[in-house]
Amino acid sequence: MTLWLTIGAVAVLSFTCKAFGPALFGGRTLPPRARSVIALTAPALLAGFVVVDVLGPRWNALDLTVLAGLAVVPLLLWRRAPLPVALVAAVAVTALLRL
């Protein structure tokens, strides 16, 4: 439940920032440093959610099958596979390891 509350809070905060940002900054451009921080916020949050999901709520329930499935995704993306193919392969690897 805490995870969903966190996701909801982040969604509301993101919407608020995106709604008020153009109104506050008008025609001004953001400095390059600020743009890079904004661009990296979503991947950092996603990585945090993935780490918590893989390690469990108390960081003591490492599921090696999920970890193996997650390892397949960057490997296939590196080999230029489409994202849906990489995701299906990750699910398949995880399912096969759980048999």
N, C-alpha and C. Protein backbone atom coordinates (compact mmCIF):
# COMPACT_ATOMS: atom_id res chain seq x y z
N MET A 1 0.83 -1.19 0.00
CA MET A 1 0.00 0.00 0.00
C MET A 1 0.87 1.25 0.00
N THR A 2 1.98 1.21 0.73
CA THR A 2 2.86 2.36 0.80
C THR A 2 3.43 2.69 -0.57
N LEU A 3 3.74 1.67 -1.35
CA LEU A 3 4.28 1.89 -2.68
C LEU A 3 3.29 2.64 -3.55
N TRP A 4 2.01 2.26 -3.47
CA TRP A 4 1.01 2.92 -4.30
C TRP A 4 0.77 4.35 -3.83
N LEU A 5 0.85 4.59 -2.54
CA LEU A 5 0.74 5.96 -2.05
C LEU A 5 1.91 6.81 -2.54
N THR A 6 3.09 6.22 -2.55
CA THR A 6 4.27 6.93 -3.04
C THR A 6 4.13 7.22 -4.53
N ILE A 7 3.68 6.24 -5.29
CA ILE A 7 3.48 6.46 -6.73
C ILE A 7 2.44 7.56 -6.96
N GLY A 8 1.38 7.53 -6.20
CA GLY A 8 0.36 8.58 -6.33
C GLY A 8 0.89 9.95 -5.98
N ALA A 9 1.67 10.03 -4.90
CA ALA A 9 2.25 11.32 -4.50
C ALA A 9 3.21 11.84 -5.55
N VAL A 10 4.02 10.96 -6.11
CA VAL A 10 4.95 11.37 -7.17
C VAL A 10 4.18 11.83 -8.40
N ALA A 11 3.10 11.14 -8.73
CA ALA A 11 2.30 11.54 -9.89
C ALA A 11 1.68 12.92 -9.69
N VAL A 12 1.15 13.16 -8.50
CA VAL A 12 0.56 14.47 -8.21
C VAL A 12 1.63 15.56 -8.24
N LEU A 13 2.78 15.29 -7.65
CA LEU A 13 3.88 16.26 -7.66
C LEU A 13 4.35 16.53 -9.09
N SER A 14 4.46 15.49 -9.88
CA SER A 14 4.88 15.65 -11.27
C SER A 14 3.87 16.48 -12.05
N PHE A 15 2.60 16.18 -11.87
CA PHE A 15 1.56 16.94 -12.56
C PHE A 15 1.59 18.40 -12.14
N THR A 16 1.76 18.65 -10.85
CA THR A 16 1.81 20.02 -10.34
C THR A 16 2.98 20.78 -10.93
N CYS A 17 4.14 20.15 -10.94
CA CYS A 17 5.32 20.81 -11.51
C CYS A 17 5.14 21.09 -12.99
N LYS A 18 4.56 20.14 -13.71
CA LYS A 18 4.36 20.33 -15.14
C LYS A 18 3.28 21.37 -15.43
N ALA A 19 2.32 21.50 -14.53
CA ALA A 19 1.26 22.47 -14.74
C ALA A 19 1.72 23.89 -14.43
N PHE A 20 2.48 24.05 -13.35
CA PHE A 20 2.90 25.39 -12.95
C PHE A 20 4.22 25.83 -13.57
N GLY A 21 5.01 24.89 -14.06
CA GLY A 21 6.30 25.25 -14.65
C GLY A 21 6.21 26.25 -15.78
N PRO A 22 5.41 25.98 -16.80
CA PRO A 22 5.30 26.96 -17.89
C PRO A 22 4.74 28.30 -17.45
N ALA A 23 3.83 28.28 -16.49
CA ALA A 23 3.26 29.53 -16.01
C ALA A 23 4.29 30.37 -15.25
N LEU A 24 5.15 29.71 -14.50
CA LEU A 24 6.15 30.44 -13.71
C LEU A 24 7.34 30.89 -14.53
N PHE A 25 7.77 30.05 -15.47
CA PHE A 25 8.98 30.37 -16.22
C PHE A 25 8.70 31.11 -17.51
N GLY A 26 7.48 31.08 -17.99
CA GLY A 26 7.12 31.81 -19.20
C GLY A 26 7.99 31.42 -20.38
N GLY A 27 8.61 32.39 -21.02
CA GLY A 27 9.42 32.14 -22.19
C GLY A 27 10.88 31.88 -21.88
N ARG A 28 11.25 31.88 -20.61
CA ARG A 28 12.66 31.67 -20.25
C ARG A 28 13.05 30.21 -20.43
N THR A 29 14.30 30.00 -20.78
CA THR A 29 14.79 28.63 -20.89
C THR A 29 15.53 28.26 -19.61
N LEU A 30 15.44 27.00 -19.27
CA LEU A 30 16.13 26.52 -18.08
C LEU A 30 17.62 26.34 -18.38
N PRO A 31 18.45 26.49 -17.36
CA PRO A 31 19.88 26.22 -17.57
C PRO A 31 20.10 24.74 -17.91
N PRO A 32 21.18 24.43 -18.60
CA PRO A 32 21.44 23.03 -18.99
C PRO A 32 21.49 22.08 -17.79
N ARG A 33 22.04 22.54 -16.69
CA ARG A 33 22.13 21.69 -15.49
C ARG A 33 20.73 21.31 -14.99
N ALA A 34 19.83 22.28 -14.94
CA ALA A 34 18.46 22.02 -14.48
C ALA A 34 17.74 21.08 -15.44
N ARG A 35 17.95 21.26 -16.74
CA ARG A 35 17.32 20.38 -17.72
C ARG A 35 17.81 18.94 -17.57
N SER A 36 19.10 18.78 -17.29
CA SER A 36 19.62 17.41 -17.14
C SER A 36 19.08 16.76 -15.87
N VAL A 37 18.93 17.53 -14.80
CA VAL A 37 18.36 16.99 -13.56
C VAL A 37 16.91 16.56 -13.79
N ILE A 38 16.15 17.39 -14.48
CA ILE A 38 14.75 17.06 -14.75
C ILE A 38 14.66 15.81 -15.63
N ALA A 39 15.54 15.71 -16.61
CA ALA A 39 15.51 14.56 -17.52
C ALA A 39 15.87 13.26 -16.81
N LEU A 40 16.70 13.33 -15.77
CA LEU A 40 17.14 12.12 -15.08
C LEU A 40 16.28 11.75 -13.87
N THR A 41 15.31 12.58 -13.53
CA THR A 41 14.47 12.30 -12.36
C THR A 41 13.61 11.06 -12.56
N ALA A 42 12.94 10.95 -13.69
CA ALA A 42 12.06 9.79 -13.93
C ALA A 42 12.83 8.47 -13.95
N PRO A 43 13.97 8.37 -14.67
CA PRO A 43 14.70 7.10 -14.62
C PRO A 43 15.21 6.76 -13.22
N ALA A 44 15.59 7.78 -12.44
CA ALA A 44 16.06 7.51 -11.08
C ALA A 44 14.93 6.97 -10.21
N LEU A 45 13.75 7.55 -10.33
CA LEU A 45 12.60 7.05 -9.56
C LEU A 45 12.23 5.64 -9.99
N LEU A 46 12.24 5.39 -11.28
CA LEU A 46 11.92 4.05 -11.78
C LEU A 46 12.93 3.03 -11.27
N ALA A 47 14.21 3.40 -11.28
CA ALA A 47 15.24 2.50 -10.77
C ALA A 47 15.01 2.21 -9.28
N GLY A 48 14.63 3.22 -8.53
CA GLY A 48 14.33 3.02 -7.11
C GLY A 48 13.17 2.06 -6.90
N PHE A 49 12.12 2.21 -7.70
CA PHE A 49 10.98 1.31 -7.58
C PHE A 49 11.37 -0.13 -7.94
N VAL A 50 12.20 -0.28 -8.96
CA VAL A 50 12.63 -1.62 -9.37
C VAL A 50 13.47 -2.26 -8.27
N VAL A 51 14.38 -1.50 -7.68
CA VAL A 51 15.24 -2.04 -6.62
C VAL A 51 14.39 -2.48 -5.43
N VAL A 52 13.44 -1.67 -5.03
CA VAL A 52 12.58 -2.03 -3.89
C VAL A 52 11.74 -3.25 -4.23
N ASP A 53 11.26 -3.34 -5.47
CA ASP A 53 10.45 -4.48 -5.86
C ASP A 53 11.27 -5.76 -5.91
N VAL A 54 12.51 -5.68 -6.37
CA VAL A 54 13.36 -6.87 -6.46
C VAL A 54 13.84 -7.32 -5.08
N LEU A 55 14.21 -6.38 -4.23
CA LEU A 55 14.76 -6.73 -2.93
C LEU A 55 13.72 -6.90 -1.84
N GLY A 56 12.49 -6.53 -2.10
CA GLY A 56 11.45 -6.67 -1.09
C GLY A 56 11.33 -5.43 -0.24
N PRO A 57 10.24 -5.31 0.50
CA PRO A 57 10.00 -4.10 1.28
C PRO A 57 11.04 -3.85 2.38
N ARG A 58 11.60 -4.90 2.93
CA ARG A 58 12.61 -4.72 3.99
C ARG A 58 14.01 -5.02 3.48
N TRP A 59 14.17 -5.10 2.17
CA TRP A 59 15.46 -5.34 1.52
C TRP A 59 16.07 -6.67 1.93
N ASN A 60 15.23 -7.67 2.17
CA ASN A 60 15.76 -8.96 2.58
C ASN A 60 15.16 -10.13 1.80
N ALA A 61 14.44 -9.86 0.74
CA ALA A 61 13.76 -10.92 0.00
C ALA A 61 14.20 -10.92 -1.46
N LEU A 62 15.49 -11.08 -1.68
CA LEU A 62 16.02 -11.07 -3.04
C LEU A 62 15.50 -12.28 -3.81
N ASP A 63 14.85 -12.02 -4.92
CA ASP A 63 14.32 -13.08 -5.78
C ASP A 63 15.24 -13.18 -7.00
N LEU A 64 16.05 -14.22 -7.04
CA LEU A 64 17.03 -14.35 -8.12
C LEU A 64 16.38 -14.56 -9.48
N THR A 65 15.17 -15.12 -9.51
CA THR A 65 14.51 -15.30 -10.80
C THR A 65 14.13 -13.95 -11.40
N VAL A 66 13.66 -13.04 -10.57
CA VAL A 66 13.33 -11.69 -11.06
C VAL A 66 14.60 -10.97 -11.49
N LEU A 67 15.66 -11.14 -10.72
CA LEU A 67 16.93 -10.51 -11.07
C LEU A 67 17.45 -11.03 -12.41
N ALA A 68 17.31 -12.32 -12.66
CA ALA A 68 17.72 -12.88 -13.95
C ALA A 68 16.87 -12.33 -15.09
N GLY A 69 15.58 -12.21 -14.84
CA GLY A 69 14.70 -11.63 -15.86
C GLY A 69 15.04 -10.18 -16.15
N LEU A 70 15.36 -9.43 -15.11
CA LEU A 70 15.76 -8.03 -15.30
C LEU A 70 17.08 -7.92 -16.05
N ALA A 71 17.96 -8.88 -15.87
CA ALA A 71 19.26 -8.84 -16.55
C ALA A 71 19.10 -9.06 -18.05
N VAL A 72 18.03 -9.72 -18.45
CA VAL A 72 17.81 -9.99 -19.87
C VAL A 72 17.46 -8.70 -20.63
N VAL A 73 16.74 -7.79 -19.99
CA VAL A 73 16.26 -6.59 -20.68
C VAL A 73 17.41 -5.73 -21.21
N PRO A 74 18.37 -5.30 -20.37
CA PRO A 74 19.44 -4.46 -20.93
C PRO A 74 20.28 -5.20 -21.97
N LEU A 75 20.43 -6.51 -21.77
CA LEU A 75 21.20 -7.28 -22.75
C LEU A 75 20.53 -7.25 -24.13
N LEU A 76 19.22 -7.48 -24.15
CA LEU A 76 18.51 -7.47 -25.43
C LEU A 76 18.41 -6.06 -26.01
N LEU A 77 18.25 -5.06 -25.16
CA LEU A 77 18.22 -3.69 -25.67
C LEU A 77 19.58 -3.29 -26.23
N TRP A 78 20.64 -3.77 -25.62
CA TRP A 78 21.98 -3.51 -26.13
C TRP A 78 22.16 -4.15 -27.51
N ARG A 79 21.52 -5.30 -27.72
CA ARG A 79 21.59 -5.99 -29.01
C ARG A 79 20.55 -5.44 -29.99
N ARG A 80 19.93 -4.32 -29.66
CA ARG A 80 18.98 -3.60 -30.52
C ARG A 80 17.64 -4.32 -30.72
N ALA A 81 17.24 -5.09 -29.73
CA ALA A 81 15.91 -5.72 -29.80
C ALA A 81 14.86 -4.67 -29.43
N PRO A 82 13.67 -4.75 -29.99
CA PRO A 82 12.61 -3.81 -29.61
C PRO A 82 12.23 -4.01 -28.13
N LEU A 83 11.76 -2.94 -27.51
CA LEU A 83 11.42 -3.00 -26.08
C LEU A 83 10.37 -4.06 -25.77
N PRO A 84 9.28 -4.18 -26.54
CA PRO A 84 8.30 -5.24 -26.22
C PRO A 84 8.92 -6.64 -26.26
N VAL A 85 9.82 -6.87 -27.20
CA VAL A 85 10.48 -8.17 -27.28
C VAL A 85 11.34 -8.40 -26.04
N ALA A 86 12.06 -7.38 -25.61
CA ALA A 86 12.90 -7.50 -24.42
C ALA A 86 12.06 -7.77 -23.17
N LEU A 87 10.92 -7.11 -23.06
CA LEU A 87 10.06 -7.31 -21.89
C LEU A 87 9.45 -8.71 -21.88
N VAL A 88 9.00 -9.17 -23.03
CA VAL A 88 8.43 -10.52 -23.11
C VAL A 88 9.51 -11.56 -22.80
N ALA A 89 10.72 -11.33 -23.29
CA ALA A 89 11.82 -12.25 -22.99
C ALA A 89 12.13 -12.27 -21.50
N ALA A 90 12.08 -11.11 -20.85
CA ALA A 90 12.34 -11.06 -19.41
C ALA A 90 11.28 -11.83 -18.64
N VAL A 91 10.04 -11.68 -19.03
CA VAL A 91 8.96 -12.43 -18.38
C VAL A 91 9.13 -13.92 -18.62
N ALA A 92 9.51 -14.29 -19.84
CA ALA A 92 9.70 -15.71 -20.16
C ALA A 92 10.85 -16.31 -19.36
N VAL A 93 11.95 -15.59 -19.25
CA VAL A 93 13.10 -16.10 -18.47
C VAL A 93 12.70 -16.27 -17.02
N THR A 94 12.01 -15.29 -16.46
CA THR A 94 11.57 -15.39 -15.07
C THR A 94 10.63 -16.57 -14.88
N ALA A 95 9.69 -16.73 -15.78
CA ALA A 95 8.73 -17.85 -15.67
C ALA A 95 9.42 -19.20 -15.81
N LEU A 96 10.35 -19.31 -16.75
CA LEU A 96 11.05 -20.58 -16.94
C LEU A 96 11.91 -20.93 -15.73
N LEU A 97 12.53 -19.94 -15.12
CA LEU A 97 13.35 -20.21 -13.94
C LEU A 97 12.52 -20.59 -12.73
N ARG A 98 11.27 -20.18 -12.72
CA ARG A 98 10.40 -20.51 -11.59
C ARG A 98 9.76 -21.89 -11.72
N LEU A 99 9.92 -22.54 -12.86
CA LEU A 99 9.34 -23.88 -13.03
C LEU A 99 10.02 -24.90 -12.16
